[in-house]
Amino acid sequence: MTIDDYILQHIEPEPEYLYRLYRATNIYMLHGRMASGHLQGRLLKMLVQMIRPKNILEVGTFSGYSAICMAEGLEAGGRVYTFEINDEQEDFTRPWIEQSPVADKIEFIIGDAITEAPRLGVIFDMAFIDGDKRTYRETYEMVLSILRPGGFILADNTLWDGHVVDPAYDRDQQTHGIETFNDFLVGDARVEQVILPLRDGLTIVRKC
């Protein structure tokens, strides 16, 4: 038994609907491992229960797994606004969201969150950034501008399979985007932040 197996056996079980969604994601979509999965999904739900946000912004819906997890943790009246820029994913993702037990708490939007999210006119309490790594810095600035003071940002993939500390790795645009974001964030006096070495790296940011 690996340590990962041990962890999954000692946390809240993955709901059956999300188990089926994760399997379908890996069967029918490229890069299925990008879905949050059991451990991160349960953490997202618990963080929502701890922070108790009314409005959550997600940048990068992918198959809808993380949006459903966050919606699970919302109190009555809470809402997840999730943006996916790749319209080719809509045929897969929309039915999974709309048939989920928390469909009434999720608004799934096809479009560029950087330009479209501010037009919603919503002030957010929490955000999950998991979109195009090349634009993490721009996405972060947009999110910060519509996040309430004391609100939280979660940024996924901030360790990028360890490439951020591998000098031999070819710095493609996505890796450069993650490094630029991490380097900027550590000097940003507007926030407090910590990186958790969970899966591919999860940064938790609190707006001061």
Protein backbone atom coordinates (compact mmCIF):
# COMPACT_ATOMS: atom_id res chain seq x y z
CA MET A 1 0.00 0.00 0.00
CA THR A 2 1.31 3.45 -0.92
CA ILE A 3 0.98 6.52 1.30
CA ASP A 4 -1.53 7.92 -1.23
CA ASP A 5 -3.66 4.79 -0.92
CA TYR A 6 -3.50 5.03 2.87
CA ILE A 7 -4.63 8.67 2.80
CA LEU A 8 -7.59 7.94 0.54
CA GLN A 9 -8.70 5.12 2.83
CA HIS A 10 -8.67 7.44 5.83
CA ILE A 11 -10.58 10.47 4.56
CA GLU A 12 -14.21 11.11 3.62
CA PRO A 13 -15.13 8.68 0.82
CA GLU A 14 -15.46 9.99 -2.71
CA PRO A 15 -19.16 10.34 -3.57
CA GLU A 16 -20.34 7.81 -6.14
CA TYR A 17 -21.33 10.52 -8.63
CA LEU A 18 -17.86 12.08 -8.49
CA TYR A 19 -16.25 8.64 -8.77
CA ARG A 20 -18.15 8.09 -12.03
CA LEU A 21 -17.28 11.59 -13.26
CA TYR A 22 -13.57 11.07 -12.56
CA ARG A 23 -13.59 7.75 -14.45
CA ALA A 24 -15.44 9.29 -17.39
CA THR A 25 -13.04 12.24 -17.43
CA ASN A 26 -10.06 9.93 -17.73
CA ILE A 27 -11.71 7.79 -20.40
CA TYR A 28 -13.16 10.47 -22.65
CA MET A 29 -11.02 13.58 -22.16
CA LEU A 30 -7.39 14.31 -22.89
CA HIS A 31 -5.27 14.95 -19.79
CA GLY A 32 -7.87 13.43 -17.49
CA ARG A 33 -5.50 13.66 -14.54
CA MET A 34 -6.16 17.42 -14.51
CA ALA A 35 -9.43 16.73 -12.69
CA SER A 36 -9.05 17.40 -8.96
CA GLY A 37 -9.78 13.86 -7.82
CA HIS A 38 -10.71 12.35 -4.47
CA LEU A 39 -8.19 13.97 -2.08
CA GLN A 40 -8.19 17.48 -3.51
CA GLY A 41 -11.93 17.34 -4.05
CA ARG A 42 -12.59 16.57 -0.38
CA LEU A 43 -10.18 19.36 0.61
CA LEU A 44 -12.00 21.85 -1.62
CA LYS A 45 -15.31 20.91 -0.05
CA MET A 46 -13.89 21.29 3.46
CA LEU A 47 -12.24 24.64 2.70
CA VAL A 48 -15.59 25.94 1.46
CA GLN A 49 -17.21 24.74 4.67
CA MET A 50 -14.50 26.52 6.69
CA ILE A 51 -14.51 29.80 4.73
CA ARG A 52 -18.31 29.80 4.28
CA PRO A 53 -18.34 31.88 1.07
CA LYS A 54 -21.53 33.06 -0.57
CA ASN A 55 -20.02 33.46 -4.05
CA ILE A 56 -17.16 31.39 -5.49
CA LEU A 57 -15.39 32.08 -8.78
CA GLU A 58 -13.69 29.21 -10.59
CA VAL A 59 -11.38 29.81 -13.55
CA GLY A 60 -11.02 26.57 -15.50
CA THR A 61 -13.98 24.19 -15.21
CA PHE A 62 -12.48 21.27 -17.16
CA SER A 63 -14.87 18.34 -16.49
CA GLY A 64 -16.70 20.01 -13.60
CA TYR A 65 -15.27 17.87 -10.78
CA SER A 66 -13.88 20.71 -8.67
CA ALA A 67 -16.95 22.91 -9.20
CA ILE A 68 -19.19 20.14 -7.89
CA CYS A 69 -16.91 19.58 -4.88
CA MET A 70 -16.98 23.26 -3.94
CA ALA A 71 -20.74 23.45 -4.45
CA GLU A 72 -21.11 20.51 -2.04
CA GLY A 73 -19.65 22.66 0.71
CA LEU A 74 -21.81 25.73 0.11
CA GLU A 75 -24.53 26.81 2.49
CA ALA A 76 -28.04 27.60 1.24
CA GLY A 77 -27.99 30.48 -1.22
CA GLY A 78 -24.33 30.02 -2.13
CA ARG A 79 -23.21 29.84 -5.76
CA VAL A 80 -20.22 28.74 -7.82
CA TYR A 81 -19.60 30.67 -11.05
CA THR A 82 -17.28 28.52 -13.12
CA PHE A 83 -15.67 29.64 -16.39
CA GLU A 84 -14.25 27.40 -19.12
CA ILE A 85 -12.59 29.03 -22.10
CA ASN A 86 -12.48 25.87 -24.24
CA ASP A 87 -15.92 25.56 -25.80
CA GLU A 88 -15.10 22.07 -27.11
CA GLN A 89 -15.43 20.75 -23.55
CA GLU A 90 -19.00 21.97 -23.10
CA ASP A 91 -20.69 18.87 -24.54
CA PHE A 92 -18.98 16.68 -21.95
CA THR A 93 -19.00 18.98 -18.95
CA ARG A 94 -22.42 20.62 -18.99
CA PRO A 95 -24.47 17.40 -18.61
CA TRP A 96 -22.29 16.26 -15.69
CA ILE A 97 -22.82 19.59 -13.92
CA GLU A 98 -26.53 19.87 -14.71
CA GLN A 99 -27.26 16.29 -13.59
CA SER A 100 -25.25 16.60 -10.37
CA PRO A 101 -26.92 16.78 -6.94
CA VAL A 102 -25.70 20.41 -6.61
CA ALA A 103 -26.63 21.67 -10.07
CA ASP A 104 -28.73 24.48 -8.60
CA LYS A 105 -25.62 25.95 -6.98
CA ILE A 106 -23.44 26.08 -10.12
CA GLU A 107 -23.46 28.50 -13.03
CA PHE A 108 -21.34 27.09 -15.86
CA ILE A 109 -20.14 29.74 -18.29
CA ILE A 110 -18.20 29.26 -21.53
CA GLY A 111 -15.89 32.25 -22.02
CA ASP A 112 -12.72 34.01 -20.94
CA ALA A 113 -12.96 34.67 -17.20
CA ILE A 114 -10.38 37.45 -17.37
CA THR A 115 -12.77 39.63 -19.37
CA GLU A 116 -16.15 38.10 -18.52
CA ALA A 117 -16.03 37.52 -14.74
CA PRO A 118 -15.83 41.24 -13.82
CA ARG A 119 -18.94 41.84 -15.95
CA LEU A 120 -21.01 39.67 -13.62
CA GLY A 121 -21.03 42.50 -11.09
CA VAL A 122 -20.42 40.01 -8.25
CA ILE A 123 -18.01 40.46 -5.34
CA PHE A 124 -16.54 37.06 -4.54
CA ASP A 125 -15.57 35.55 -1.20
CA MET A 126 -13.43 32.77 -2.66
CA ALA A 127 -11.86 31.83 -5.99
CA PHE A 128 -10.20 28.76 -7.48
CA ILE A 129 -7.69 29.43 -10.26
CA ASP A 130 -7.07 26.34 -12.39
CA GLY A 131 -7.06 27.61 -15.96
CA ASP A 132 -4.37 28.51 -18.50
CA LYS A 133 -1.04 28.51 -16.65
CA ARG A 134 0.38 31.03 -19.13
CA THR A 135 -2.02 33.69 -17.83
CA TYR A 136 -1.99 32.92 -14.09
CA ARG A 137 -0.62 36.37 -13.25
CA GLU A 138 -3.31 38.16 -15.28
CA THR A 139 -6.01 35.88 -13.89
CA TYR A 140 -4.81 36.56 -10.35
CA GLU A 141 -5.01 40.34 -10.82
CA MET A 142 -8.52 40.04 -12.20
CA VAL A 143 -9.64 37.81 -9.33
CA LEU A 144 -8.07 40.06 -6.70
CA SER A 145 -9.97 43.05 -8.09
CA ILE A 146 -13.37 41.39 -7.53
CA LEU A 147 -12.54 39.57 -4.28
CA ARG A 148 -13.65 41.01 -0.93
CA PRO A 149 -11.01 41.92 1.68
CA GLY A 150 -10.38 38.80 3.74
CA GLY A 151 -11.40 36.60 0.83
CA PHE A 152 -9.41 33.57 -0.32
CA ILE A 153 -7.85 32.51 -3.61
CA LEU A 154 -6.79 28.92 -4.27
CA ALA A 155 -4.33 28.47 -7.15
CA ASP A 156 -3.74 24.95 -8.44
CA ASN A 157 -0.64 23.35 -10.04
CA THR A 158 1.80 25.83 -8.50
CA LEU A 159 4.56 23.22 -8.15
CA TRP A 160 4.00 22.01 -11.73
CA ASP A 161 5.24 18.42 -11.33
CA GLY A 162 8.36 19.77 -9.63
CA HIS A 163 9.46 21.58 -12.78
CA VAL A 164 9.69 24.88 -10.87
CA VAL A 165 12.82 23.55 -9.11
CA ASP A 166 14.27 21.46 -11.96
CA PRO A 167 16.98 23.45 -13.75
CA ALA A 168 17.20 20.81 -16.48
CA TYR A 169 13.54 21.16 -17.46
CA ASP A 170 12.83 23.08 -20.66
CA ARG A 171 10.98 26.26 -19.64
CA ASP A 172 7.88 26.20 -21.84
CA GLN A 173 5.29 28.97 -21.63
CA GLN A 174 3.15 27.18 -19.06
CA THR A 175 6.08 26.55 -16.74
CA HIS A 176 7.17 30.15 -17.17
CA GLY A 177 3.64 31.29 -16.33
CA ILE A 178 3.63 29.33 -13.08
CA GLU A 179 7.10 30.59 -12.10
CA THR A 180 6.14 34.18 -12.88
CA PHE A 181 3.02 33.84 -10.74
CA ASN A 182 4.86 32.24 -7.81
CA ASP A 183 7.67 34.80 -7.89
CA PHE A 184 5.25 37.71 -8.03
CA LEU A 185 3.00 36.38 -5.31
CA VAL A 186 5.75 36.00 -2.72
CA GLY A 187 6.40 39.75 -2.90
CA ASP A 188 2.79 40.93 -3.09
CA ALA A 189 2.04 42.92 0.07
CA ARG A 190 -1.70 42.84 -0.66
CA VAL A 191 -1.96 39.19 0.38
CA GLU A 192 -0.76 36.40 2.64
CA GLN A 193 0.01 33.05 1.05
CA VAL A 194 1.13 29.48 1.66
CA ILE A 195 1.89 26.64 -0.77
CA LEU A 196 0.70 23.14 0.13
CA PRO A 197 2.60 20.25 -1.51
CA LEU A 198 -0.70 18.56 -2.34
CA ARG A 199 -0.77 16.73 -5.67
CA ASP A 200 0.73 19.28 -8.08
CA GLY A 201 0.90 22.14 -5.56
CA LEU A 202 -1.97 24.19 -4.14
CA THR A 203 -1.40 27.80 -3.12
CA ILE A 204 -3.79 29.36 -0.63
CA VAL A 205 -3.93 33.16 -0.73
CA ARG A 206 -5.74 35.51 1.65
CA LYS A 207 -6.47 39.08 0.55
CA CYS A 208 -5.52 41.51 3.31
